[in-house]
Protein backbone atom coordinates (compact mmCIF):
# COMPACT_ATOMS: atom_id res chain seq x y z
CA MET A 1 29.53 -15.70 25.46
CA SER A 2 29.86 -16.92 21.89
CA CYS A 3 30.72 -14.79 18.98
CA ASP A 4 27.34 -15.30 17.36
CA LEU A 5 25.45 -14.14 20.59
CA ILE A 6 27.58 -10.91 20.80
CA ASP A 7 26.98 -10.10 17.13
CA GLU A 8 23.29 -10.73 17.70
CA LEU A 9 23.36 -8.47 20.87
CA LYS A 10 25.09 -5.44 18.73
CA GLU A 11 22.52 -6.10 16.04
CA LEU A 12 19.71 -5.59 18.43
CA ARG A 13 20.79 -2.26 19.69
CA ASN A 14 19.77 -0.74 16.17
CA TYR A 15 16.19 -1.88 16.97
CA HIS A 16 15.97 -0.11 20.43
CA VAL A 17 13.12 2.25 20.48
CA ASN A 18 12.20 4.62 23.31
CA ARG A 19 10.56 3.30 26.38
CA LEU A 20 7.05 2.20 26.11
CA ILE A 21 4.61 3.64 28.71
CA LEU A 22 1.21 2.10 28.66
CA SER A 23 -0.96 4.32 31.04
CA PRO A 24 -4.70 3.69 31.02
CA LYS A 25 -5.01 6.89 33.06
CA GLN A 26 -3.35 9.06 30.23
CA TRP A 27 -5.52 7.09 27.64
CA SER A 28 -8.80 8.03 29.46
CA GLN A 29 -7.52 11.93 29.59
CA TYR A 30 -6.88 11.93 25.95
CA CYS A 31 -8.96 14.19 23.96
CA VAL A 32 -9.03 15.72 20.46
CA ASP A 33 -10.76 18.34 18.81
CA ILE A 34 -11.26 16.61 15.27
CA ASP A 35 -12.98 13.37 14.12
CA LEU A 36 -10.01 10.81 13.27
CA ASN A 37 -11.04 8.08 10.78
CA TRP A 38 -7.95 5.87 10.39
CA GLU A 39 -7.48 3.66 7.03
CA ILE A 40 -4.42 1.29 7.35
CA VAL A 41 -2.14 1.04 4.33
CA LYS A 42 1.14 -0.83 4.14
CA PHE A 43 4.03 1.57 3.46
CA ASP A 44 4.71 0.68 -0.16
CA LYS A 45 4.92 2.68 -3.35
CA LYS A 46 2.46 0.34 -5.11
CA ASN A 47 -0.25 1.56 -2.49
CA LYS A 48 0.25 5.09 -3.64
CA ASN A 49 -3.35 5.15 -5.19
CA LEU A 50 -4.75 3.73 -2.00
CA ILE A 51 -3.71 7.09 -0.20
CA PRO A 52 -6.22 10.19 -0.50
CA ASN A 53 -5.06 12.68 -3.07
CA ASN A 54 -7.65 15.37 -1.96
CA GLN A 55 -7.35 15.32 1.85
CA SER A 56 -4.75 16.33 4.34
CA GLY A 57 -4.85 15.92 8.15
CA VAL A 58 -3.26 13.55 10.76
CA TYR A 59 -1.32 10.44 9.79
CA THR A 60 0.87 7.70 11.71
CA PHE A 61 3.44 5.33 11.02
CA VAL A 62 3.12 1.96 12.91
CA ILE A 63 5.09 -1.00 12.93
CA LYS A 64 3.29 -4.40 12.46
CA PRO A 65 5.55 -7.21 13.34
CA ASN A 66 2.97 -9.80 12.25
CA ILE A 67 3.77 -12.09 15.00
CA ALA A 68 1.71 -15.23 15.03
CA ASN A 69 -0.63 -13.34 12.43
CA HIS A 70 -1.91 -11.59 15.30
CA PRO A 71 -4.35 -8.65 13.51
CA GLU A 72 -3.73 -6.05 16.42
CA CYS A 73 -0.06 -6.17 17.23
CA ALA A 74 1.38 -2.65 16.25
CA TYR A 75 3.68 -0.15 17.64
CA LEU A 76 3.05 3.61 17.08
CA MET A 77 6.13 5.07 15.93
CA TYR A 78 5.38 8.44 14.46
CA VAL A 79 2.70 10.94 14.24
CA GLY A 80 2.61 13.70 11.59
CA LYS A 81 0.10 16.24 9.94
CA THR A 82 -0.34 17.51 6.58
CA GLU A 83 -1.60 20.99 5.98
CA ARG A 84 -0.52 22.48 2.78
CA GLN A 85 -0.32 19.12 1.08
CA THR A 86 -2.44 15.91 0.45
CA PHE A 87 -1.82 12.75 2.29
CA ARG A 88 -0.61 11.25 -1.14
CA ASP A 89 2.00 13.98 -1.72
CA ARG A 90 3.28 13.47 1.97
CA PHE A 91 3.27 9.72 1.73
CA MET A 92 5.64 9.88 -1.47
CA GLN A 93 7.83 12.45 0.34
CA TYR A 94 8.71 9.69 2.61
CA PHE A 95 10.23 7.47 -0.13
CA ARG A 96 12.82 10.16 -0.80
CA GLU A 97 13.45 10.23 3.07
CA ARG A 98 15.08 6.80 2.83
CA LYS A 99 18.01 8.40 1.12
CA LYS A 100 18.00 11.90 2.30
CA GLY A 101 16.04 12.64 5.26
CA ARG A 102 15.53 13.27 8.96
CA PRO A 103 17.88 10.62 10.84
CA ARG A 104 15.18 9.01 12.91
CA ILE A 105 12.67 8.60 9.97
CA LYS A 106 15.58 7.44 7.73
CA ALA A 107 16.44 4.82 10.51
CA MET A 108 12.61 3.84 10.92
CA LEU A 109 12.39 3.15 7.20
CA ALA A 110 15.65 1.39 7.04
CA LEU A 111 15.12 -0.92 10.02
CA TRP A 112 11.51 -2.13 9.38
CA PRO A 113 11.00 -1.73 5.70
CA ASN A 114 8.48 -4.71 5.47
CA ASN A 115 6.45 -3.63 8.50
CA ILE A 116 5.64 -0.08 8.22
CA TRP A 117 2.07 1.00 7.73
């Protein structure tokens, strides 16, 4: 094995994410008590004003690899809920977590900085 390939394999370990399970049975049994209306916004400070400043609720982080410009290719990475703050307040908190924050969130923000929505 060449040194380049070994280095590449070592780097790929950083991007390993928990095992993905795709279960249509689980999807069909999922129920939620609230109406969820998703808006997709790229995780970028310049998009701050696109985030509602008068609402709270459920939000997610997805990684969109933009492979072959496929519009539906994304991986759900995190689900959160705001209760005592607005979506915009919570959105801005994540920019502080890049430096000081929960290890998994910090890693997600560092590994995919241009692909988080």
